[in-house]
Amino acid sequence: MPRSLAIAHILGSILLVLSAAYLLPIAWSLIAEDGTFDGFLIAAVATLLVALLLWLPGRGRRADIPARDGCLLVVLTSLALAALACLPFALELPGLPLARAFFEAVSALTTTGATRLDNLDALPQSLNLWRHLLQWLGGLGIIVLAVAILPLLGVGGMQLFRADTPGPMKESRLAPRIMQTARYLWTVYAALTLLCILALKLAGMGWFDAVCHGFSTVSLGGFSTRDANIAAFDSPAIEAVMMVFMLLSVLNFTTHFLAFRHRSFGPYRRDTEARWVVAAIGLSTVLLVGVLALDPGQGLGGDPQRTLREVAFTTVANATTAGFHVVEHSTWPPLAGLWLLMLCAVVASSGSTGGGIKMVRSLILFRQSVRELLRMSHPRAVRPLMLGEHPIAQTVVLAVMGFMLLYGVTTVGLALVLVATGLEPLMALGGALSALNNNGAGLMPFGLSPDYLQLSDVQSAILAFAMLAGRLELMIVFVLATPTFWRR
C-alpha cells in the first residue's frame, strides 16, 4: 500500500473509534433531554464520514508504516481528533468562538484540564459528559486503544504504540503481540475507572458526577462539572477517594497489570519509579505543611485539620498533573506555588496517565549527574548507571539528556512568545510549564489560580500547541521540523 494511502487508512481507522465514542453523549442527551442531541448527531455523522473517506480506499489491504511515519501519523491524529471533537462545543454553545472550542478539545484529549468555558454548573450534562469522556480517552491514549483493535481492520499498530507510549524506554511488552499489550493496559485502565466511579458514588457523589469525575480522576485530567471544582462538594470522603485513585493512576499501568496477574505487591516494590513517586509526594506534603505553618501571613488557619486536608489534596492533585483544586490558594506563599509547579514536571511515572518529563527521566538524569561527579574524583572507575536492578544503556541516557535540553528550550521559547503577545512574564512562564506538563492548574506560577478566560485566541493557540507537544513528549512533534525527516 502506498505510504500516503496507508497513513490515511490508519487515521480513518482511529477516527472510527472517535465516531463510536459519540454514542455515549448521544444516548445521555436523550435520557437527560438537555437539548444537545442534534449537535452531537451532526458531529458524530461528520466524524464518521471523514473516517470512512480516509479508511475505505485502503480497505482489504494491510497497512504497515515505518517508524518515522508513525510520528507523523500520531501528530496528524491528535490534530484531527481535536478538530472533530470540538464540534459539539461549537454547535451547542451559541457564540462560543471556534478557537475556544478547539482549545477545550485539545485540553481534554491531552488531559491538561485547562478550560475556557464558564458557568460549568449550567452546562448541558451531555457536553460535560463529553468533556470528561474525551479526557478519559486521552488519558491512556486513544491511539493505544486503537492499537488494540486495529488488527481487526487490517492495520499494524507497533509503530503507533511506540510513538504514543510515554517515557524513554518503549520496548517493554506484556505480551508477545503489541495488540494484546494494548488490550491488557486498557483492561486495567477501564477496571480502575469503574472502581473509582463506584467509590465516588459511595462517598456521596451522584451517579452523573461520579461518572464524570471518575473519568477525569483516573485520566488525571482535572476537569470537573462545577465551576468551583472539587471544592463544590466540600467532602473529605470524596477528596480521599480521589487522592487514592490519582496516586494509583500516576503509577505505571504495566506495574498494575503485573501486580494483578501475580496477585502480589511485589511488582510495586520492584518498581523504582513507584517508590520515588510516593516518596516525592509524601515529602512534598510535609514540606508544604511546614511552609504554611511558618508563613506569618498564612499559618495553618483557624482549622488546622482542614488546612492539612487541603494541602494533602492540592499536593497530590498537582504532583500527579491532575490539577483538581479544593481551595483558592493564590494566598499561599510563593514558595508553595513554585514547588507545586516544579513537582508536576517530574513526578508522574512513565506508562501512567500523568504528564511532565516523567520520574524515570528525572532519576536517570540525577544518577548520570552523580556518576559524572564521581568520575571527576576517580577518572578510571567504571560505574554503570543502574535504575533499580537494571542497567541503563548509554543510548537511553543520551536520549534523556536530549529530551531535557529540548524541554528547557521549549519552555523558555513558549514563555517568550507568550510575553510577546502581551501576557505578564510570570503568567507566561506558568502557562508554558503547565501546558507542557499537561497540568491545567498552573497559569499563575506563584498562585496556581487558573483563569484561562482572559487569554486571547493567539495565546490560546500557543498553549494548545504546548499541550499537544507535551502530551506527545516533544520529540514526536519536533522531529517533523527536521529536514532529514522529509528526505526519502
Protein backbone atom coordinates (compact mmCIF):
# COMPACT_ATOMS: atom_id res chain seq x y z
CA MET A 1 0.00 0.00 0.00
CA PRO A 2 1.40 3.46 -0.88
CA ARG A 3 2.68 5.49 2.05
CA SER A 4 0.08 8.27 1.88
CA LEU A 5 -2.77 5.77 1.47
CA ALA A 6 -1.53 3.75 4.46
CA ILE A 7 -1.40 6.86 6.65
CA ALA A 8 -4.90 7.92 5.56
CA HIS A 9 -6.25 4.40 6.15
CA ILE A 10 -4.89 4.18 9.70
CA LEU A 11 -6.02 7.73 10.50
CA GLY A 12 -9.50 6.82 9.31
CA SER A 13 -9.45 3.70 11.50
CA ILE A 14 -8.68 5.77 14.59
CA LEU A 15 -11.37 8.32 13.75
CA LEU A 16 -13.86 5.44 13.60
CA VAL A 17 -13.12 4.93 17.31
CA LEU A 18 -13.95 8.59 17.97
CA SER A 19 -17.20 8.33 15.99
CA ALA A 20 -18.20 5.35 18.14
CA ALA A 21 -17.43 7.35 21.30
CA TYR A 22 -20.19 9.80 20.36
CA LEU A 23 -22.78 7.13 21.19
CA LEU A 24 -22.45 7.79 24.93
CA PRO A 25 -23.25 11.55 24.92
CA ILE A 26 -25.92 10.98 22.25
CA ALA A 27 -27.64 8.43 24.48
CA TRP A 28 -27.29 10.68 27.53
CA SER A 29 -28.69 13.68 25.66
CA LEU A 30 -31.85 11.63 25.03
CA ILE A 31 -32.07 10.50 28.65
CA ALA A 32 -31.38 13.93 30.16
CA GLU A 33 -33.34 15.79 27.46
CA ASP A 34 -30.80 18.61 27.61
CA GLY A 35 -31.29 19.73 24.00
CA THR A 36 -27.88 18.70 22.67
CA PHE A 37 -28.97 15.69 20.60
CA ASP A 38 -28.86 17.49 17.23
CA GLY A 39 -25.37 18.88 17.79
CA PHE A 40 -23.93 15.55 18.85
CA LEU A 41 -25.62 13.71 16.00
CA ILE A 42 -24.22 16.17 13.43
CA ALA A 43 -20.74 15.88 14.96
CA ALA A 44 -20.95 12.08 15.02
CA VAL A 45 -22.07 11.85 11.40
CA ALA A 46 -19.37 14.32 10.29
CA THR A 47 -16.71 12.33 12.12
CA LEU A 48 -17.97 9.05 10.66
CA LEU A 49 -17.98 10.46 7.12
CA VAL A 50 -14.43 11.78 7.44
CA ALA A 51 -13.31 8.46 8.93
CA LEU A 52 -14.88 6.43 6.11
CA LEU A 53 -13.46 8.71 3.40
CA LEU A 54 -9.98 8.09 4.80
CA TRP A 55 -10.43 4.41 5.62
CA LEU A 56 -12.32 2.95 2.65
CA PRO A 57 -9.66 3.46 -0.09
CA GLY A 58 -7.27 1.14 1.77
CA ARG A 59 -9.88 -1.40 2.87
CA GLY A 60 -8.86 -5.02 2.45
CA ARG A 61 -5.12 -4.31 2.34
CA ARG A 62 -2.80 -4.43 5.32
CA ALA A 63 -1.40 -1.01 6.26
CA ASP A 64 2.03 -1.13 7.87
CA ILE A 65 4.11 2.00 8.18
CA PRO A 66 7.78 2.67 9.01
CA ALA A 67 8.77 4.18 12.36
CA ARG A 68 9.13 7.76 11.16
CA ASP A 69 5.66 7.71 9.60
CA GLY A 70 4.35 6.63 12.98
CA CYS A 71 5.47 10.00 14.35
CA LEU A 72 3.72 11.88 11.55
CA LEU A 73 0.56 9.83 11.98
CA VAL A 74 0.37 10.41 15.73
CA VAL A 75 0.63 14.19 15.26
CA LEU A 76 -1.96 14.20 12.45
CA THR A 77 -4.26 12.02 14.53
CA SER A 78 -4.03 14.32 17.54
CA LEU A 79 -4.94 17.35 15.43
CA ALA A 80 -7.77 15.54 13.63
CA LEU A 81 -9.23 14.22 16.87
CA ALA A 82 -9.23 17.70 18.43
CA ALA A 83 -10.71 19.32 15.32
CA LEU A 84 -13.60 16.86 15.18
CA ALA A 85 -14.12 16.53 18.94
CA CYS A 86 -14.65 20.28 19.31
CA LEU A 87 -17.70 20.26 17.04
CA PRO A 88 -20.31 19.67 19.82
CA PHE A 89 -18.99 22.69 21.76
CA ALA A 90 -19.15 24.91 18.69
CA LEU A 91 -22.60 23.67 17.68
CA GLU A 92 -24.30 23.65 21.07
CA LEU A 93 -22.83 26.73 22.73
CA PRO A 94 -24.05 29.74 20.71
CA GLY A 95 -21.48 32.49 20.49
CA LEU A 96 -18.58 30.29 21.52
CA PRO A 97 -15.66 31.07 19.17
CA LEU A 98 -14.25 28.08 17.32
CA ALA A 99 -10.83 28.81 18.82
CA ARG A 100 -12.20 28.32 22.33
CA ALA A 101 -13.99 25.14 21.30
CA PHE A 102 -10.76 23.78 19.81
CA PHE A 103 -8.82 24.76 22.95
CA GLU A 104 -11.34 22.84 25.08
CA ALA A 105 -11.00 19.72 22.93
CA VAL A 106 -7.19 19.86 22.96
CA SER A 107 -7.16 20.41 26.72
CA ALA A 108 -9.45 17.40 27.18
CA LEU A 109 -7.63 14.99 24.86
CA THR A 110 -4.24 15.91 26.33
CA THR A 111 -5.68 15.61 29.88
CA THR A 112 -4.45 19.12 30.68
CA GLY A 113 -7.68 20.23 32.32
CA ALA A 114 -7.44 23.92 31.41
CA THR A 115 -10.84 25.27 30.38
CA ARG A 116 -12.06 28.40 28.61
CA LEU A 117 -15.71 27.61 29.34
CA ASP A 118 -17.51 29.42 32.12
CA ASN A 119 -20.64 28.56 34.13
CA LEU A 120 -19.92 24.83 34.06
CA ASP A 121 -22.69 24.20 36.60
CA ALA A 122 -25.26 25.23 33.98
CA LEU A 123 -23.55 23.46 31.05
CA PRO A 124 -25.77 20.79 29.42
CA GLN A 125 -24.98 17.45 31.01
CA SER A 126 -24.13 15.78 27.70
CA LEU A 127 -21.47 18.41 26.95
CA ASN A 128 -20.00 17.95 30.41
CA LEU A 129 -20.00 14.19 29.88
CA TRP A 130 -18.28 14.67 26.51
CA ARG A 131 -15.53 16.82 28.08
CA HIS A 132 -14.81 14.13 30.65
CA LEU A 133 -15.08 11.26 28.17
CA LEU A 134 -12.50 12.96 25.93
CA GLN A 135 -10.16 13.19 28.91
CA TRP A 136 -10.67 9.51 29.64
CA LEU A 137 -9.95 8.55 26.02
CA GLY A 138 -6.86 10.76 26.01
CA GLY A 139 -5.63 9.52 29.40
CA LEU A 140 -4.15 6.18 28.44
CA GLY A 141 -4.29 7.27 24.82
CA ILE A 142 -6.97 6.83 22.22
CA ILE A 143 -4.16 5.67 19.93
CA VAL A 144 -3.27 2.87 22.35
CA LEU A 145 -6.98 1.97 22.37
CA ALA A 146 -6.96 1.95 18.59
CA VAL A 147 -3.88 -0.28 18.55
CA ALA A 148 -5.92 -2.85 20.48
CA ILE A 149 -8.46 -3.08 17.66
CA LEU A 150 -6.51 -2.01 14.55
CA PRO A 151 -5.52 -5.58 13.61
CA LEU A 152 -9.24 -6.30 13.19
CA LEU A 153 -9.24 -3.61 10.50
CA GLY A 154 -6.09 -4.89 8.79
CA VAL A 155 -3.76 -2.33 10.34
CA GLY A 156 -0.45 -2.91 12.12
CA GLY A 157 -0.02 -0.95 15.32
CA MET A 158 3.57 -1.36 16.51
CA GLN A 159 4.89 1.98 15.30
CA LEU A 160 1.84 3.80 16.63
CA PHE A 161 2.25 2.17 20.04
CA ARG A 162 5.91 3.18 20.24
CA ALA A 163 5.18 6.73 19.14
CA ASP A 164 2.31 7.24 21.59
CA THR A 165 3.79 5.48 24.65
CA PRO A 166 5.32 7.90 27.19
CA GLY A 167 8.79 7.51 28.63
CA PRO A 168 12.29 6.94 27.27
CA MET A 169 12.11 3.12 27.22
CA LYS A 170 9.34 1.97 24.89
CA GLU A 171 10.25 -1.63 24.09
CA SER A 172 8.74 -3.45 27.10
CA ARG A 173 5.70 -5.57 26.38
CA LEU A 174 3.23 -7.51 28.50
CA ALA A 175 2.57 -9.98 25.70
CA PRO A 176 4.34 -11.14 22.51
CA ARG A 177 1.85 -9.21 20.37
CA ILE A 178 1.56 -5.46 20.75
CA MET A 179 -2.21 -5.67 20.24
CA GLN A 180 -2.51 -7.86 23.33
CA THR A 181 -0.33 -5.49 25.33
CA ALA A 182 -2.62 -2.58 24.45
CA ARG A 183 -5.67 -4.62 25.44
CA TYR A 184 -4.14 -5.53 28.80
CA LEU A 185 -3.38 -1.88 29.55
CA TRP A 186 -6.87 -0.73 28.60
CA THR A 187 -8.44 -3.51 30.66
CA VAL A 188 -6.58 -2.29 33.76
CA TYR A 189 -7.47 1.31 32.90
CA ALA A 190 -11.17 0.54 32.50
CA ALA A 191 -11.28 -1.55 35.69
CA LEU A 192 -9.60 1.21 37.69
CA THR A 193 -12.08 3.74 36.27
CA LEU A 194 -15.06 1.58 37.22
CA LEU A 195 -13.76 1.17 40.77
CA CYS A 196 -13.24 4.94 41.03
CA ILE A 197 -16.79 5.66 39.85
CA LEU A 198 -18.26 3.24 42.39
CA ALA A 199 -16.09 4.62 45.19
CA LEU A 200 -17.11 8.22 44.39
CA LYS A 201 -20.76 7.20 44.41
CA LEU A 202 -20.35 5.57 47.82
CA ALA A 203 -18.53 8.70 49.03
CA GLY A 204 -21.58 10.83 48.31
CA MET A 205 -21.49 11.92 44.65
CA GLY A 206 -24.50 11.47 42.39
CA TRP A 207 -24.14 8.99 39.55
CA PHE A 208 -23.57 11.64 36.88
CA ASP A 209 -20.89 13.47 38.86
CA ALA A 210 -19.31 10.15 39.85
CA VAL A 211 -19.02 9.03 36.23
CA CYS A 212 -17.60 12.36 35.05
CA HIS A 213 -15.12 12.68 37.92
CA GLY A 214 -14.19 9.01 37.63
CA PHE A 215 -13.18 9.67 34.03
CA SER A 216 -11.19 12.80 34.91
CA THR A 217 -9.58 11.33 38.04
CA VAL A 218 -8.17 8.14 36.51
CA SER A 219 -7.09 10.03 33.39
CA LEU A 220 -5.52 12.70 35.65
CA GLY A 221 -7.33 15.27 33.55
CA GLY A 222 -8.67 17.65 36.17
CA PHE A 223 -11.98 18.60 34.55
CA SER A 224 -14.98 18.99 36.83
CA THR A 225 -18.70 19.51 36.36
CA ARG A 226 -18.56 22.50 38.71
CA ASP A 227 -17.01 25.95 38.44
CA ALA A 228 -15.67 25.58 41.99
CA ASN A 229 -14.11 22.25 41.01
CA ILE A 230 -13.86 19.73 43.88
CA ALA A 231 -14.35 22.49 46.45
CA ALA A 232 -18.02 22.48 45.41
CA PHE A 233 -18.53 19.13 47.15
CA ASP A 234 -16.68 20.02 50.37
CA SER A 235 -16.39 16.34 51.26
CA PRO A 236 -13.37 14.70 52.98
CA ALA A 237 -14.59 11.29 51.75
CA ILE A 238 -14.71 12.37 48.10
CA GLU A 239 -11.30 14.00 48.37
CA ALA A 240 -9.84 10.86 49.97
CA VAL A 241 -11.21 8.64 47.19
CA MET A 242 -9.84 10.95 44.52
CA MET A 243 -6.41 11.11 46.15
CA VAL A 244 -6.20 7.30 46.24
CA PHE A 245 -7.10 6.95 42.56
CA MET A 246 -4.88 9.84 41.49
CA LEU A 247 -1.97 8.09 43.21
CA LEU A 248 -2.83 4.80 41.50
CA SER A 249 -3.16 6.48 38.12
CA VAL A 250 0.18 8.25 38.34
CA LEU A 251 1.95 4.86 38.58
CA ASN A 252 2.89 2.73 35.60
CA PHE A 253 -0.12 0.74 34.37
CA THR A 254 2.19 -2.11 33.46
CA THR A 255 3.02 -2.42 37.15
CA HIS A 256 -0.69 -2.55 37.99
CA PHE A 257 -1.22 -5.33 35.48
CA LEU A 258 1.73 -7.39 36.72
CA ALA A 259 0.57 -6.98 40.32
CA PHE A 260 -2.89 -8.20 39.34
CA ARG A 261 -1.58 -11.08 37.26
CA HIS A 262 0.70 -12.37 40.05
CA ARG A 263 -1.71 -11.44 42.87
CA SER A 264 1.21 -9.80 44.62
CA PHE A 265 2.52 -6.39 45.69
CA GLY A 266 5.97 -7.47 44.53
CA PRO A 267 5.82 -5.53 41.23
CA TYR A 268 5.22 -2.30 43.19
CA ARG A 269 8.20 -2.98 45.46
CA ARG A 270 10.41 -3.67 42.46
CA ASP A 271 9.24 -0.57 40.58
CA THR A 272 11.87 2.07 41.31
CA GLU A 273 9.71 4.81 39.82
CA ALA A 274 6.78 3.94 42.09
CA ARG A 275 8.88 4.22 45.24
CA TRP A 276 10.22 7.62 44.24
CA VAL A 277 6.78 8.88 43.18
CA VAL A 278 5.26 8.03 46.55
CA ALA A 279 8.28 9.43 48.41
CA ALA A 280 8.23 12.69 46.44
CA ILE A 281 4.53 13.28 47.05
CA GLY A 282 4.75 12.35 50.74
CA LEU A 283 7.77 14.53 51.45
CA SER A 284 6.29 17.43 49.47
CA THR A 285 3.11 17.30 51.53
CA VAL A 286 5.16 17.53 54.73
CA LEU A 287 7.25 20.36 53.25
CA LEU A 288 4.23 22.41 52.20
CA VAL A 289 2.58 21.97 55.58
CA GLY A 290 5.77 23.34 57.12
CA VAL A 291 5.90 26.25 54.66
CA LEU A 292 2.33 27.24 55.50
CA ALA A 293 2.86 26.81 59.23
CA LEU A 294 5.94 29.05 59.24
CA ASP A 295 4.50 31.73 56.97
CA PRO A 296 3.47 34.69 59.19
CA GLY A 297 0.69 35.75 56.84
CA GLN A 298 -0.80 32.30 56.36
CA GLY A 299 -0.22 29.82 59.17
CA LEU A 300 -2.47 26.78 59.39
CA GLY A 301 -5.56 28.92 59.78
CA GLY A 302 -8.32 28.58 62.32
CA ASP A 303 -8.93 24.93 61.35
CA PRO A 304 -5.58 23.08 61.16
CA GLN A 305 -7.26 19.78 60.24
CA ARG A 306 -8.98 21.32 57.23
CA THR A 307 -5.79 23.05 56.17
CA LEU A 308 -3.87 19.75 56.31
CA ARG A 309 -6.59 18.14 54.22
CA GLU A 310 -6.40 20.91 51.63
CA VAL A 311 -2.60 20.74 51.48
CA ALA A 312 -2.61 16.96 51.02
CA PHE A 313 -5.21 17.08 48.24
CA THR A 314 -3.55 20.01 46.49
CA THR A 315 -0.14 18.33 46.58
CA VAL A 316 -1.44 15.04 45.18
CA ALA A 317 -3.56 16.78 42.52
CA ASN A 318 -0.69 18.93 41.25
CA ALA A 319 2.10 16.37 41.57
CA THR A 320 0.09 13.87 39.52
CA THR A 321 -0.72 16.64 36.96
CA ALA A 322 -4.45 16.17 37.56
CA GLY A 323 -4.87 19.80 38.58
CA PHE A 324 -8.01 19.50 40.71
CA HIS A 325 -8.37 22.09 43.44
CA VAL A 326 -10.29 22.37 46.70
CA VAL A 327 -9.04 25.75 47.83
CA GLU A 328 -8.23 29.13 46.31
CA HIS A 329 -4.54 29.03 47.12
CA SER A 330 -3.45 32.27 45.47
CA THR A 331 -2.80 33.48 49.02
CA TRP A 332 -0.27 30.72 49.66
CA PRO A 333 3.41 31.71 49.99
CA PRO A 334 5.26 31.95 46.65
CA LEU A 335 7.50 29.01 47.63
CA ALA A 336 4.48 26.71 47.86
CA GLY A 337 3.22 27.65 44.40
CA LEU A 338 6.65 27.38 42.85
CA TRP A 339 7.25 23.98 44.45
CA LEU A 340 3.94 22.61 43.16
CA LEU A 341 4.71 23.90 39.68
CA MET A 342 8.08 22.10 39.74
CA LEU A 343 6.54 18.97 41.24
CA CYS A 344 4.09 18.48 38.38
CA ALA A 345 7.02 18.38 35.96
CA VAL A 346 8.89 15.45 37.47
CA VAL A 347 6.65 13.12 39.48
CA ALA A 348 4.47 11.10 37.06
CA SER A 349 5.65 7.61 36.11
CA SER A 350 6.24 6.56 32.53
CA GLY A 351 3.36 4.40 31.32
CA SER A 352 0.91 6.35 33.51
CA THR A 353 -1.77 8.87 32.58
CA GLY A 354 0.28 11.74 34.05
CA GLY A 355 2.19 14.39 32.14
CA GLY A 356 5.55 16.08 32.61
CA ILE A 357 9.02 14.77 31.93
CA LYS A 358 8.34 11.56 33.93
CA MET A 359 10.05 10.30 37.07
CA VAL A 360 12.23 7.82 35.17
CA ARG A 361 13.88 10.64 33.23
CA SER A 362 14.43 12.59 36.43
CA LEU A 363 16.10 9.59 38.06
CA ILE A 364 18.29 8.85 35.05
CA LEU A 365 19.40 12.45 34.77
CA PHE A 366 20.14 12.69 38.50
CA ARG A 367 22.14 9.47 38.57
CA GLN A 368 24.04 10.43 35.46
CA SER A 369 24.98 13.72 37.15
CA VAL A 370 26.17 11.85 40.24
CA ARG A 371 28.18 9.48 38.06
CA GLU A 372 29.89 12.39 36.33
CA LEU A 373 30.78 13.96 39.69
CA LEU A 374 32.27 10.68 40.89
CA ARG A 375 34.17 10.31 37.64
CA MET A 376 35.90 13.61 38.32
CA SER A 377 37.31 12.13 41.53
CA HIS A 378 38.01 8.67 40.11
CA PRO A 379 38.57 9.02 36.35
CA ARG A 380 39.38 5.34 35.83
CA ALA A 381 36.43 3.97 37.76
CA VAL A 382 33.81 2.06 35.76
CA ARG A 383 30.38 2.84 37.18
CA PRO A 384 27.41 1.52 35.21
CA LEU A 385 24.27 3.58 35.54
CA MET A 386 21.62 1.49 37.29
CA LEU A 387 17.90 2.00 37.80
CA GLY A 388 16.94 -0.46 40.47
CA GLU A 389 18.46 -3.75 39.37
CA HIS A 390 18.52 -2.80 35.71
CA PRO A 391 21.47 -1.19 33.89
CA ILE A 392 20.57 1.78 31.70
CA ALA A 393 22.02 1.79 28.20
CA GLN A 394 24.06 4.82 27.20
CA THR A 395 21.71 5.41 24.27
CA VAL A 396 18.85 5.88 26.74
CA VAL A 397 20.94 8.30 28.81
CA LEU A 398 21.75 10.36 25.72
CA ALA A 399 18.08 10.35 24.69
CA VAL A 400 17.08 11.62 28.14
CA MET A 401 19.68 14.38 28.03
CA GLY A 402 18.49 15.41 24.56
CA PHE A 403 14.88 15.43 25.74
CA MET A 404 15.70 17.56 28.78
CA LEU A 405 17.55 20.10 26.65
CA LEU A 406 14.60 20.30 24.26
CA TYR A 407 12.20 20.60 27.20
CA GLY A 408 14.12 23.54 28.64
CA VAL A 409 14.46 25.33 25.31
CA THR A 410 10.78 24.78 24.51
CA THR A 411 9.67 26.12 27.90
CA VAL A 412 11.74 29.29 27.54
CA GLY A 413 10.70 29.73 23.90
CA LEU A 414 6.99 29.39 24.66
CA ALA A 415 7.26 31.79 27.60
CA LEU A 416 9.00 34.39 25.41
CA VAL A 417 6.36 34.06 22.68
CA LEU A 418 3.56 34.44 25.26
CA VAL A 419 5.25 37.54 26.67
CA ALA A 420 5.49 38.94 23.15
CA THR A 421 1.69 38.57 22.86
CA GLY A 422 1.23 40.76 25.95
CA LEU A 423 0.99 38.18 28.73
CA GLU A 424 2.63 39.02 32.04
CA PRO A 425 6.05 37.27 32.32
CA LEU A 426 5.21 35.15 35.38
CA MET A 427 1.90 34.09 33.88
CA ALA A 428 3.66 33.30 30.61
CA LEU A 429 6.16 31.07 32.39
CA GLY A 430 3.44 29.38 34.43
CA GLY A 431 1.27 28.88 31.37
CA ALA A 432 4.12 27.37 29.34
CA LEU A 433 5.10 24.98 32.14
CA SER A 434 1.55 23.93 32.98
CA ALA A 435 0.68 23.34 29.32
CA LEU A 436 3.83 21.33 28.61
CA ASN A 437 3.26 19.28 31.78
CA ASN A 438 -0.45 18.87 30.99
CA ASN A 439 -1.44 20.33 34.33
CA GLY A 440 -4.16 22.95 33.87
CA ALA A 441 -3.86 24.37 37.38
CA GLY A 442 -0.76 26.47 36.92
CA LEU A 443 -1.37 29.55 34.78
CA MET A 444 -0.14 31.75 37.62
CA PRO A 445 3.03 30.10 38.89
CA PHE A 446 3.02 31.62 42.36
CA GLY A 447 -0.70 31.36 42.96
CA LEU A 448 -1.81 28.37 40.90
CA SER A 449 -5.10 30.13 40.28
CA PRO A 450 -6.11 29.17 36.74
CA ASP A 451 -8.06 31.70 34.71
CA TYR A 452 -7.84 30.89 31.01
CA LEU A 453 -10.85 33.02 30.08
CA GLN A 454 -8.65 36.12 29.98
CA LEU A 455 -6.43 34.69 27.24
CA SER A 456 -6.61 35.90 23.66
CA ASP A 457 -7.16 33.44 20.81
CA VAL A 458 -3.50 33.73 19.83
CA GLN A 459 -2.36 32.92 23.36
CA SER A 460 -4.82 30.02 23.49
CA ALA A 461 -3.42 28.65 20.23
CA ILE A 462 0.13 28.82 21.61
CA LEU A 463 -0.89 26.95 24.76
CA ALA A 464 -2.86 24.41 22.69
CA PHE A 465 0.32 23.67 20.75
CA ALA A 466 2.21 23.34 24.04
CA MET A 467 -0.39 20.88 25.37
CA LEU A 468 -0.11 18.69 22.27
CA ALA A 469 3.69 18.86 22.29
CA GLY A 470 3.82 18.00 25.96
CA ARG A 471 1.41 15.08 25.62
CA LEU A 472 3.37 13.69 22.68
CA GLU A 473 6.61 14.25 24.60
CA LEU A 474 8.14 16.89 22.32
CA MET A 475 10.35 14.62 20.22
CA ILE A 476 7.39 13.30 18.23
CA VAL A 477 6.38 16.86 17.33
CA PHE A 478 9.74 18.50 16.73
CA VAL A 479 11.15 15.68 14.64
CA LEU A 480 8.68 16.79 11.96
CA ALA A 481 10.53 20.11 11.78
CA THR A 482 13.84 18.49 10.82
CA PRO A 483 14.74 18.44 7.10
CA THR A 484 16.05 14.85 7.36
CA PHE A 485 12.59 13.57 8.35
CA TRP A 486 11.17 14.51 4.96
CA ARG A 487 14.03 13.08 2.88
CA ARG A 488 13.22 9.85 1.10
